[in-house]
Amino acid sequence: MRKIVGVASCPAGIAHTYMAAESIEKAAKRYGYEVKIETDGAGGVENRLTETDIEEADAVIVAADTVVEMDRFKGKKLLEVSVRDAIRNVDRIFEKIESGEIGIY
């Protein structure tokens, strides 16, 4: 099965972080991906991505309006979007992934 990993993080780290994560998770399943999303919210990092998670991923989605540790994604197909886009335009995100419109980080 294809796999997507990602990070969701907003400045307040309350509702929007988790809304973005849920939106990506639901869309990933619709598009046939196994998915794991790390959230960096008010309670700190939850569901932290492991090196194995990242290595096995076909693509990475970073839905963040904060600074995210990016070096761990070197060499991976990666798409950076705002939290708002992850909530409101998630299908467009997956259309880009499906069509190969994303670059290598």
PDB file of N, CA and C in Angstrom:
ATOM      1  N   MET A   1       0.840  -1.183   0.000  1.00  0.00           N
ATOM      2  CA  MET A   1       0.000   0.000   0.000  1.00  0.00           C
ATOM      3  C   MET A   1       0.886   1.248   0.000  1.00  0.00           C
ATOM      4  N   ARG A   2       0.433   2.265  -0.694  1.00  0.00           N
ATOM      5  CA  ARG A   2       1.146   3.538  -0.717  1.00  0.00           C
ATOM      6  C   ARG A   2       1.007   4.205   0.649  1.00  0.00           C
ATOM      7  N   LYS A   3       2.001   5.025   0.993  1.00  0.00           N
ATOM      8  CA  LYS A   3       2.001   5.630   2.320  1.00  0.00           C
ATOM      9  C   LYS A   3       2.301   7.119   2.247  1.00  0.00           C
ATOM     10  N   ILE A   4       1.537   7.877   3.014  1.00  0.00           N
ATOM     11  CA  ILE A   4       1.729   9.321   3.173  1.00  0.00           C
ATOM     12  C   ILE A   4       2.037   9.579   4.641  1.00  0.00           C
ATOM     13  N   VAL A   5       3.005  10.441   4.903  1.00  0.00           N
ATOM     14  CA  VAL A   5       3.226  10.930   6.254  1.00  0.00           C
ATOM     15  C   VAL A   5       3.171  12.449   6.206  1.00  0.00           C
ATOM     16  N   GLY A   6       2.988  13.042   7.361  1.00  0.00           N
ATOM     17  CA  GLY A   6       2.939  14.487   7.376  1.00  0.00           C
ATOM     18  C   GLY A   6       3.029  15.066   8.759  1.00  0.00           C
ATOM     19  N   VAL A   7       3.039  16.397   8.770  1.00  0.00           N
ATOM     20  CA  VAL A   7       3.066  17.163  10.004  1.00  0.00           C
ATOM     21  C   VAL A   7       1.993  18.234   9.893  1.00  0.00           C
ATOM     22  N   ALA A   8       1.227  18.404  10.965  1.00  0.00           N
ATOM     23  CA  ALA A   8       0.241  19.480  11.045  1.00  0.00           C
ATOM     24  C   ALA A   8       0.575  20.323  12.269  1.00  0.00           C
ATOM     25  N   SER A   9       0.656  21.642  12.065  1.00  0.00           N
ATOM     26  CA  SER A   9       1.021  22.525  13.173  1.00  0.00           C
ATOM     27  C   SER A   9       0.547  23.945  12.877  1.00  0.00           C
ATOM     28  N   CYS A  10      -0.132  24.543  13.849  1.00  0.00           N
ATOM     29  CA  CYS A  10      -0.533  25.941  13.722  1.00  0.00           C
ATOM     30  C   CYS A  10      -0.014  26.702  14.940  1.00  0.00           C
ATOM     31  N   PRO A  11       0.038  28.031  14.870  1.00  0.00           N
ATOM     32  CA  PRO A  11       0.617  28.806  15.970  1.00  0.00           C
ATOM     33  C   PRO A  11      -0.058  28.574  17.329  1.00  0.00           C
ATOM     34  N   ALA A  12      -1.361  28.498  17.360  1.00  0.00           N
ATOM     35  CA  ALA A  12      -2.049  28.291  18.632  1.00  0.00           C
ATOM     36  C   ALA A  12      -1.977  26.825  19.055  1.00  0.00           C
ATOM     37  N   GLY A  13      -1.935  25.937  18.067  1.00  0.00           N
ATOM     38  CA  GLY A  13      -1.795  24.522  18.358  1.00  0.00           C
ATOM     39  C   GLY A  13      -3.013  23.905  19.012  1.00  0.00           C
ATOM     40  N   ILE A  14      -4.167  24.455  18.708  1.00  0.00           N
ATOM     41  CA  ILE A  14      -5.370  23.902  19.312  1.00  0.00           C
ATOM     42  C   ILE A  14      -6.201  23.264  18.199  1.00  0.00           C
ATOM     43  N   ALA A  15      -7.270  23.879  17.811  1.00  0.00           N
ATOM     44  CA  ALA A  15      -8.218  23.247  16.893  1.00  0.00           C
ATOM     45  C   ALA A  15      -7.670  23.020  15.489  1.00  0.00           C
ATOM     46  N   HIS A  16      -7.052  24.025  14.889  1.00  0.00           N
ATOM     47  CA  HIS A  16      -6.677  23.914  13.484  1.00  0.00           C
ATOM     48  C   HIS A  16      -5.624  22.847  13.223  1.00  0.00           C
ATOM     49  N   THR A  17      -4.715  22.648  14.146  1.00  0.00           N
ATOM     50  CA  THR A  17      -3.719  21.583  13.988  1.00  0.00           C
ATOM     51  C   THR A  17      -4.412  20.246  13.799  1.00  0.00           C
ATOM     52  N   TYR A  18      -5.361  19.967  14.663  1.00  0.00           N
ATOM     53  CA  TYR A  18      -6.029  18.666  14.643  1.00  0.00           C
ATOM     54  C   TYR A  18      -7.047  18.561  13.508  1.00  0.00           C
ATOM     55  N   MET A  19      -7.639  19.690  13.130  1.00  0.00           N
ATOM     56  CA  MET A  19      -8.541  19.679  11.979  1.00  0.00           C
ATOM     57  C   MET A  19      -7.765  19.370  10.701  1.00  0.00           C
ATOM     58  N   ALA A  20      -6.585  19.954  10.562  1.00  0.00           N
ATOM     59  CA  ALA A  20      -5.753  19.698   9.378  1.00  0.00           C
ATOM     60  C   ALA A  20      -5.317  18.237   9.334  1.00  0.00           C
ATOM     61  N   ALA A  21      -4.895  17.720  10.466  1.00  0.00           N
ATOM     62  CA  ALA A  21      -4.471  16.318  10.523  1.00  0.00           C
ATOM     63  C   ALA A  21      -5.616  15.388  10.138  1.00  0.00           C
ATOM     64  N   GLU A  22      -6.786  15.647  10.683  1.00  0.00           N
ATOM     65  CA  GLU A  22      -7.945  14.800  10.386  1.00  0.00           C
ATOM     66  C   GLU A  22      -8.331  14.887   8.911  1.00  0.00           C
ATOM     67  N   SER A  23      -8.268  16.082   8.352  1.00  0.00           N
ATOM     68  CA  SER A  23      -8.598  16.268   6.945  1.00  0.00           C
ATOM     69  C   SER A  23      -7.643  15.474   6.051  1.00  0.00           C
ATOM     70  N   ILE A  24      -6.356  15.544   6.345  1.00  0.00           N
ATOM     71  CA  ILE A  24      -5.367  14.803   5.560  1.00  0.00           C
ATOM     72  C   ILE A  24      -5.574  13.304   5.727  1.00  0.00           C
ATOM     73  N   GLU A  25      -5.819  12.863   6.949  1.00  0.00           N
ATOM     74  CA  GLU A  25      -6.022  11.428   7.204  1.00  0.00           C
ATOM     75  C   GLU A  25      -7.223  10.883   6.434  1.00  0.00           C
ATOM     76  N   LYS A  26      -8.324  11.609   6.454  1.00  0.00           N
ATOM     77  CA  LYS A  26      -9.523  11.151   5.742  1.00  0.00           C
ATOM     78  C   LYS A  26      -9.290  11.110   4.233  1.00  0.00           C
ATOM     79  N   ALA A  27      -8.651  12.160   3.710  1.00  0.00           N
ATOM     80  CA  ALA A  27      -8.395  12.202   2.266  1.00  0.00           C
ATOM     81  C   ALA A  27      -7.419  11.106   1.862  1.00  0.00           C
ATOM     82  N   ALA A  28      -6.398  10.878   2.662  1.00  0.00           N
ATOM     83  CA  ALA A  28      -5.414   9.837   2.333  1.00  0.00           C
ATOM     84  C   ALA A  28      -6.100   8.492   2.196  1.00  0.00           C
ATOM     85  N   LYS A  29      -6.990   8.190   3.087  1.00  0.00           N
ATOM     86  CA  LYS A  29      -7.705   6.909   3.022  1.00  0.00           C
ATOM     87  C   LYS A  29      -8.580   6.836   1.772  1.00  0.00           C
ATOM     88  N   ARG A  30      -9.235   7.958   1.420  1.00  0.00           N
ATOM     89  CA  ARG A  30     -10.054   7.984   0.193  1.00  0.00           C
ATOM     90  C   ARG A  30      -9.206   7.724  -1.050  1.00  0.00           C
ATOM     91  N   TYR A  31      -7.972   8.229  -1.041  1.00  0.00           N
ATOM     92  CA  TYR A  31      -7.080   8.075  -2.186  1.00  0.00           C
ATOM     93  C   TYR A  31      -6.272   6.788  -2.131  1.00  0.00           C
ATOM     94  N   GLY A  32      -6.495   5.977  -1.115  1.00  0.00           N
ATOM     95  CA  GLY A  32      -5.848   4.676  -1.040  1.00  0.00           C
ATOM     96  C   GLY A  32      -4.471   4.662  -0.408  1.00  0.00           C
ATOM     97  N   TYR A  33      -4.208   5.583   0.484  1.00  0.00           N
ATOM     98  CA  TYR A  33      -2.926   5.647   1.162  1.00  0.00           C
ATOM     99  C   TYR A  33      -3.051   5.213   2.620  1.00  0.00           C
ATOM    100  N   GLU A  34      -2.026   4.548   3.108  1.00  0.00           N
ATOM    101  CA  GLU A  34      -1.818   4.399   4.544  1.00  0.00           C
ATOM    102  C   GLU A  34      -1.299   5.765   4.984  1.00  0.00           C
ATOM    103  N   VAL A  35      -1.641   6.208   6.196  1.00  0.00           N
ATOM    104  CA  VAL A  35      -1.290   7.568   6.584  1.00  0.00           C
ATOM    105  C   VAL A  35      -0.887   7.648   8.052  1.00  0.00           C
ATOM    106  N   LYS A  36       0.075   8.538   8.312  1.00  0.00           N
ATOM    107  CA  LYS A  36       0.445   8.879   9.686  1.00  0.00           C
ATOM    108  C   LYS A  36       0.777  10.365   9.701  1.00  0.00           C
ATOM    109  N   ILE A  37       0.079  11.110  10.574  1.00  0.00           N
ATOM    110  CA  ILE A  37       0.288  12.545  10.676  1.00  0.00           C
ATOM    111  C   ILE A  37       0.761  12.894  12.084  1.00  0.00           C
ATOM    112  N   GLU A  38       1.894  13.555  12.150  1.00  0.00           N
ATOM    113  CA  GLU A  38       2.423  14.078  13.408  1.00  0.00           C
ATOM    114  C   GLU A  38       1.743  15.410  13.675  1.00  0.00           C
ATOM    115  N   THR A  39       1.281  15.621  14.887  1.00  0.00           N
ATOM    116  CA  THR A  39       0.688  16.913  15.236  1.00  0.00           C
ATOM    117  C   THR A  39       1.586  17.608  16.246  1.00  0.00           C
ATOM    118  N   ASP A  40       1.746  18.896  16.058  1.00  0.00           N
ATOM    119  CA  ASP A  40       2.516  19.712  16.987  1.00  0.00           C
ATOM    120  C   ASP A  40       1.567  20.781  17.485  1.00  0.00           C
ATOM    121  N   GLY A  41       0.863  20.441  18.562  1.00  0.00           N
ATOM    122  CA  GLY A  41      -0.166  21.323  19.090  1.00  0.00           C
ATOM    123  C   GLY A  41       0.194  21.876  20.453  1.00  0.00           C
ATOM    124  N   ALA A  42      -0.815  22.397  21.117  1.00  0.00           N
ATOM    125  CA  ALA A  42      -0.625  23.006  22.424  1.00  0.00           C
ATOM    126  C   ALA A  42      -0.052  22.013  23.435  1.00  0.00           C
ATOM    127  N   GLY A  43      -0.357  20.747  23.266  1.00  0.00           N
ATOM    128  CA  GLY A  43       0.135  19.718  24.177  1.00  0.00           C
ATOM    129  C   GLY A  43       1.476  19.144  23.766  1.00  0.00           C
ATOM    130  N   GLY A  44       2.133  19.730  22.795  1.00  0.00           N
ATOM    131  CA  GLY A  44       3.419  19.228  22.310  1.00  0.00           C
ATOM    132  C   GLY A  44       3.232  18.311  21.114  1.00  0.00           C
ATOM    133  N   VAL A  45       4.295  17.625  20.749  1.00  0.00           N
ATOM    134  CA  VAL A  45       4.274  16.735  19.583  1.00  0.00           C
ATOM    135  C   VAL A  45       3.590  15.428  19.958  1.00  0.00           C
ATOM    136  N   GLU A  46       2.639  15.035  19.135  1.00  0.00           N
ATOM    137  CA  GLU A  46       1.946  13.759  19.299  1.00  0.00           C
ATOM    138  C   GLU A  46       2.088  12.975  18.005  1.00  0.00           C
ATOM    139  N   ASN A  47       2.130  11.650  18.126  1.00  0.00           N
ATOM    140  CA  ASN A  47       2.204  10.770  16.960  1.00  0.00           C
ATOM    141  C   ASN A  47       3.466  11.058  16.142  1.00  0.00           C
ATOM    142  N   ARG A  48       4.575  11.266  16.841  1.00  0.00           N
ATOM    143  CA  ARG A  48       5.842  11.648  16.197  1.00  0.00           C
ATOM    144  C   ARG A  48       6.225  10.658  15.093  1.00  0.00           C
ATOM    145  N   LEU A  49       6.651  11.195  13.963  1.00  0.00           N
ATOM    146  CA  LEU A  49       7.107  10.360  12.845  1.00  0.00           C
ATOM    147  C   LEU A  49       8.471   9.771  13.178  1.00  0.00           C
ATOM    148  N   THR A  50       8.623   8.492  12.905  1.00  0.00           N
ATOM    149  CA  THR A  50       9.913   7.833  13.109  1.00  0.00           C
ATOM    150  C   THR A  50      10.695   7.877  11.805  1.00  0.00           C
ATOM    151  N   GLU A  51      11.978   7.556  11.889  1.00  0.00           N
ATOM    152  CA  GLU A  51      12.791   7.475  10.670  1.00  0.00           C
ATOM    153  C   GLU A  51      12.206   6.449   9.711  1.00  0.00           C
ATOM    154  N   THR A  52      11.716   5.336  10.249  1.00  0.00           N
ATOM    155  CA  THR A  52      11.106   4.299   9.415  1.00  0.00           C
ATOM    156  C   THR A  52       9.851   4.813   8.728  1.00  0.00           C
ATOM    157  N   ASP A  53       9.008   5.533   9.468  1.00  0.00           N
ATOM    158  CA  ASP A  53       7.798   6.115   8.866  1.00  0.00           C
ATOM    159  C   ASP A  53       8.172   6.957   7.660  1.00  0.00           C
ATOM    160  N   ILE A  54       9.173   7.799   7.831  1.00  0.00           N
ATOM    161  CA  ILE A  54       9.582   8.716   6.767  1.00  0.00           C
ATOM    162  C   ILE A  54      10.203   7.954   5.599  1.00  0.00           C
ATOM    163  N   GLU A  55      11.061   6.999   5.884  1.00  0.00           N
ATOM    164  CA  GLU A  55      11.701   6.209   4.822  1.00  0.00           C
ATOM    165  C   GLU A  55      10.676   5.469   3.974  1.00  0.00           C
ATOM    166  N   GLU A  56       9.634   4.940   4.608  1.00  0.00           N
ATOM    167  CA  GLU A  56       8.627   4.145   3.901  1.00  0.00           C
ATOM    168  C   GLU A  56       7.612   4.993   3.141  1.00  0.00           C
ATOM    169  N   ALA A  57       7.579   6.285   3.402  1.00  0.00           N
ATOM    170  CA  ALA A  57       6.568   7.151   2.805  1.00  0.00           C
ATOM    171  C   ALA A  57       6.838   7.437   1.337  1.00  0.00           C
ATOM    172  N   ASP A  58       5.754   7.444   0.565  1.00  0.00           N
ATOM    173  CA  ASP A  58       5.833   7.837  -0.839  1.00  0.00           C
ATOM    174  C   ASP A  58       5.865   9.350  -0.977  1.00  0.00           C
ATOM    175  N   ALA A  59       5.287  10.050  -0.004  1.00  0.00           N
ATOM    176  CA  ALA A  59       5.259  11.510  -0.025  1.00  0.00           C
ATOM    177  C   ALA A  59       5.040  12.032   1.385  1.00  0.00           C
ATOM    178  N   VAL A  60       5.428  13.300   1.563  1.00  0.00           N
ATOM    179  CA  VAL A  60       5.287  13.983   2.846  1.00  0.00           C
ATOM    180  C   VAL A  60       4.462  15.242   2.627  1.00  0.00           C
ATOM    181  N   ILE A  61       3.508  15.475   3.528  1.00  0.00           N
ATOM    182  CA  ILE A  61       2.732  16.713   3.516  1.00  0.00           C
ATOM    183  C   ILE A  61       3.057  17.467   4.802  1.00  0.00           C
ATOM    184  N   VAL A  62       3.503  18.708   4.662  1.00  0.00           N
ATOM    185  CA  VAL A  62       3.730  19.552   5.821  1.00  0.00           C
ATOM    186  C   VAL A  62       2.678  20.648   5.761  1.00  0.00           C
ATOM    187  N   ALA A  63       1.684  20.533   6.639  1.00  0.00           N
ATOM    188  CA  ALA A  63       0.611  21.522   6.733  1.00  0.00           C
ATOM    189  C   ALA A  63       0.879  22.330   7.994  1.00  0.00           C
ATOM    190  N   ALA A  64       1.593  23.425   7.828  1.00  0.00           N
ATOM    191  CA  ALA A  64       2.044  24.157   9.002  1.00  0.00           C
ATOM    192  C   ALA A  64       2.104  25.651   8.754  1.00  0.00           C
ATOM    193  N   ASP A  65       1.773  26.371   9.786  1.00  0.00           N
ATOM    194  CA  ASP A  65       1.933  27.822   9.801  1.00  0.00           C
ATOM    195  C   ASP A  65       2.956  28.178  10.879  1.00  0.00           C
ATOM    196  N   THR A  66       3.798  27.216  11.210  1.00  0.00           N
ATOM    197  CA  THR A  66       4.873  27.372  12.186  1.00  0.00           C
ATOM    198  C   THR A  66       6.140  26.766  11.591  1.00  0.00           C
ATOM    199  N   VAL A  67       7.237  26.890  12.300  1.00  0.00           N
ATOM    200  CA  VAL A  67       8.491  26.295  11.862  1.00  0.00           C
ATOM    201  C   VAL A  67       8.455  24.806  12.182  1.00  0.00           C
ATOM    202  N   VAL A  68       8.785  23.989  11.182  1.00  0.00           N
ATOM    203  CA  VAL A  68       8.804  22.531  11.323  1.00  0.00           C
ATOM    204  C   VAL A  68      10.219  22.049  11.028  1.00  0.00           C
ATOM    205  N   GLU A  69      10.686  21.079  11.792  1.00  0.00           N
ATOM    206  CA  GLU A  69      11.993  20.467  11.560  1.00  0.00           C
ATOM    207  C   GLU A  69      11.951  19.738  10.211  1.00  0.00           C
ATOM    208  N   MET A  70      12.625  20.288   9.202  1.00  0.00           N
ATOM    209  CA  MET A  70      12.495  19.780   7.844  1.00  0.00           C
ATOM    210  C   MET A  70      13.638  18.859   7.415  1.00  0.00           C
ATOM    211  N   ASP A  71      14.801  18.939   8.035  1.00  0.00           N
ATOM    212  CA  ASP A  71      15.956  18.149   7.595  1.00  0.00           C
ATOM    213  C   ASP A  71      15.652  16.659   7.524  1.00  0.00           C
ATOM    214  N   ARG A  72      14.773  16.182   8.357  1.00  0.00           N
ATOM    215  CA  ARG A  72      14.453  14.749   8.372  1.00  0.00           C
ATOM    216  C   ARG A  72      13.773  14.286   7.090  1.00  0.00           C
ATOM    217  N   PHE A  73      13.305  15.228   6.262  1.00  0.00           N
ATOM    218  CA  PHE A  73      12.598  14.886   5.028  1.00  0.00           C
ATOM    219  C   PHE A  73      13.475  14.993   3.775  1.00  0.00           C
ATOM    220  N   LYS A  74      14.772  15.209   3.936  1.00  0.00           N
ATOM    221  CA  LYS A  74      15.672  15.332   2.774  1.00  0.00           C
ATOM    222  C   LYS A  74      15.537  14.116   1.875  1.00  0.00           C
ATOM    223  N   GLY A  75      15.392  14.382   0.582  1.00  0.00           N
ATOM    224  CA  GLY A  75      15.302  13.319  -0.407  1.00  0.00           C
ATOM    225  C   GLY A  75      13.901  12.770  -0.624  1.00  0.00           C
ATOM    226  N   LYS A  76      12.915  13.278   0.103  1.00  0.00           N
ATOM    227  CA  LYS A  76      11.537  12.795  -0.013  1.00  0.00           C
ATOM    228  C   LYS A  76      10.716  13.752  -0.874  1.00  0.00           C
ATOM    229  N   LYS A  77       9.719  13.208  -1.562  1.00  0.00           N
ATOM    230  CA  LYS A  77       8.740  14.055  -2.243  1.00  0.00           C
ATOM    231  C   LYS A  77       7.980  14.782  -1.142  1.00  0.00           C
ATOM    232  N   LEU A  78       7.903  16.106  -1.244  1.00  0.00           N
ATOM    233  CA  LEU A  78       7.326  16.888  -0.155  1.00  0.00           C
ATOM    234  C   LEU A  78       6.492  18.033  -0.688  1.00  0.00           C
ATOM    235  N   LEU A  79       5.364  18.243  -0.038  1.00  0.00           N
ATOM    236  CA  LEU A  79       4.473  19.349  -0.372  1.00  0.00           C
ATOM    237  C   LEU A  79       4.220  20.138   0.896  1.00  0.00           C
ATOM    238  N   GLU A  80       4.538  21.446   0.858  1.00  0.00           N
ATOM    239  CA  GLU A  80       4.276  22.327   1.987  1.00  0.00           C
ATOM    240  C   GLU A  80       3.022  23.140   1.690  1.00  0.00           C
ATOM    241  N   VAL A  81       2.083  23.135   2.635  1.00  0.00           N
ATOM    242  CA  VAL A  81       0.845  23.886   2.495  1.00  0.00           C
ATOM    243  C   VAL A  81       0.510  24.535   3.830  1.00  0.00           C
ATOM    244  N   SER A  82      -0.415  25.471   3.783  1.00  0.00           N
ATOM    245  CA  SER A  82      -0.889  26.079   5.028  1.00  0.00           C
ATOM    246  C   SER A  82      -1.872  25.128   5.706  1.00  0.00           C
ATOM    247  N   VAL A  83      -2.077  25.351   6.975  1.00  0.00           N
ATOM    248  CA  VAL A  83      -3.073  24.574   7.710  1.00  0.00           C
ATOM    249  C   VAL A  83      -4.446  24.783   7.068  1.00  0.00           C
ATOM    250  N   ARG A  84      -4.722  25.993   6.684  1.00  0.00           N
ATOM    251  CA  ARG A  84      -6.006  26.306   6.050  1.00  0.00           C
ATOM    252  C   ARG A  84      -6.214  25.482   4.776  1.00  0.00           C
ATOM    253  N   ASP A  85      -5.177  25.385   3.943  1.00  0.00           N
ATOM    254  CA  ASP A  85      -5.297  24.584   2.719  1.00  0.00           C
ATOM    255  C   ASP A  85      -5.536  23.114   3.033  1.00  0.00           C
ATOM    256  N   ALA A  86      -4.890  22.625   4.078  1.00  0.00           N
ATOM    257  CA  ALA A  86      -5.085  21.221   4.456  1.00  0.00           C
ATOM    258  C   ALA A  86      -6.519  20.959   4.893  1.00  0.00           C
ATOM    259  N   ILE A  87      -7.150  21.959   5.447  1.00  0.00           N
ATOM    260  CA  ILE A  87      -8.540  21.813   5.888  1.00  0.00           C
ATOM    261  C   ILE A  87      -9.501  22.022   4.728  1.00  0.00           C
ATOM    262  N   ARG A  88      -9.284  23.056   3.950  1.00  0.00           N
ATOM    263  CA  ARG A  88     -10.266  23.462   2.927  1.00  0.00           C
ATOM    264  C   ARG A  88     -10.000  22.914   1.520  1.00  0.00           C
ATOM    265  N   ASN A  89      -8.750  22.626   1.210  1.00  0.00           N
ATOM    266  CA  ASN A  89      -8.396  22.236  -0.161  1.00  0.00           C
ATOM    267  C   ASN A  89      -7.633  20.921  -0.206  1.00  0.00           C
ATOM    268  N   VAL A  90      -7.987  20.003   0.654  1.00  0.00           N
ATOM    269  CA  VAL A  90      -7.221  18.762   0.781  1.00  0.00           C
ATOM    270  C   VAL A  90      -7.237  17.931  -0.503  1.00  0.00           C
ATOM    271  N   ASP A  91      -8.333  17.961  -1.241  1.00  0.00           N
ATOM    272  CA  ASP A  91      -8.360  17.195  -2.490  1.00  0.00           C
ATOM    273  C   ASP A  91      -7.344  17.732  -3.489  1.00  0.00           C
ATOM    274  N   ARG A  92      -7.150  19.035  -3.520  1.00  0.00           N
ATOM    275  CA  ARG A  92      -6.148  19.633  -4.416  1.00  0.00           C
ATOM    276  C   ARG A  92      -4.744  19.161  -4.027  1.00  0.00           C
ATOM    277  N   ILE A  93      -4.503  19.030  -2.734  1.00  0.00           N
ATOM    278  CA  ILE A  93      -3.211  18.523  -2.255  1.00  0.00           C
ATOM    279  C   ILE A  93      -2.974  17.118  -2.811  1.00  0.00           C
ATOM    280  N   PHE A  94      -3.976  16.270  -2.705  1.00  0.00           N
ATOM    281  CA  PHE A  94      -3.809  14.893  -3.174  1.00  0.00           C
ATOM    282  C   PHE A  94      -3.781  14.803  -4.690  1.00  0.00           C
ATOM    283  N   GLU A  95      -4.451  15.717  -5.376  1.00  0.00           N
ATOM    284  CA  GLU A  95      -4.359  15.751  -6.835  1.00  0.00           C
ATOM    285  C   GLU A  95      -2.920  16.061  -7.258  1.00  0.00           C
ATOM    286  N   LYS A  96      -2.263  16.977  -6.543  1.00  0.00           N
ATOM    287  CA  LYS A  96      -0.867  17.298  -6.844  1.00  0.00           C
ATOM    288  C   LYS A  96       0.031  16.091  -6.600  1.00  0.00           C
ATOM    289  N   ILE A  97      -0.201  15.394  -5.502  1.00  0.00           N
ATOM    290  CA  ILE A  97       0.599  14.207  -5.198  1.00  0.00           C
ATOM    291  C   ILE A  97       0.392  13.148  -6.278  1.00  0.00           C
ATOM    292  N   GLU A  98      -0.863  12.895  -6.620  1.00  0.00           N
ATOM    293  CA  GLU A  98      -1.197  11.872  -7.618  1.00  0.00           C
ATOM    294  C   GLU A  98      -0.600  12.198  -8.985  1.00  0.00           C
ATOM    295  N   SER A  99      -0.568  13.473  -9.340  1.00  0.00           N
ATOM    296  CA  SER A  99      -0.075  13.865 -10.662  1.00  0.00           C
ATOM    297  C   SER A  99       1.442  14.050 -10.693  1.00  0.00           C
ATOM    298  N   GLY A 100       2.073  13.963  -9.522  1.00  0.00           N
ATOM    299  CA  GLY A 100       3.523  14.137  -9.473  1.00  0.00           C
ATOM    300  C   GLY A 100       3.978  15.576  -9.473  1.00  0.00           C
ATOM    301  N   GLU A 101       3.068  16.500  -9.142  1.00  0.00           N
ATOM    302  CA  GLU A 101       3.388  17.934  -9.153  1.00  0.00           C
ATOM    303  C   GLU A 101       4.134  18.387  -7.910  1.00  0.00           C
ATOM    304  N   ILE A 102       4.793  17.485  -7.222  1.00  0.00           N
ATOM    305  CA  ILE A 102       5.526  17.881  -6.029  1.00  0.00           C
ATOM    306  C   ILE A 102       6.992  17.591  -6.211  1.00  0.00           C
ATOM    307  N   GLY A 103       7.802  18.420  -5.599  1.00  0.00           N
ATOM    308  CA  GLY A 103       9.242  18.273  -5.744  1.00  0.00           C
ATOM    309  C   GLY A 103       9.872  17.455  -4.623  1.00  0.00           C
ATOM    310  N   ILE A 104      11.157  17.250  -4.773  1.00  0.00           N
ATOM    311  CA  ILE A 104      11.961  16.535  -3.777  1.00  0.00           C
ATOM    312  C   ILE A 104      12.554  17.577  -2.831  1.00  0.00           C
ATOM    313  N   TYR A 105      12.464  17.311  -1.539  1.00  0.00           N
ATOM    314  CA  TYR A 105      13.026  18.243  -0.563  1.00  0.00           C
ATOM    315  C   TYR A 105      14.513  17.978  -0.422  1.00  0.00           C
TER     316      TYR A 105
END
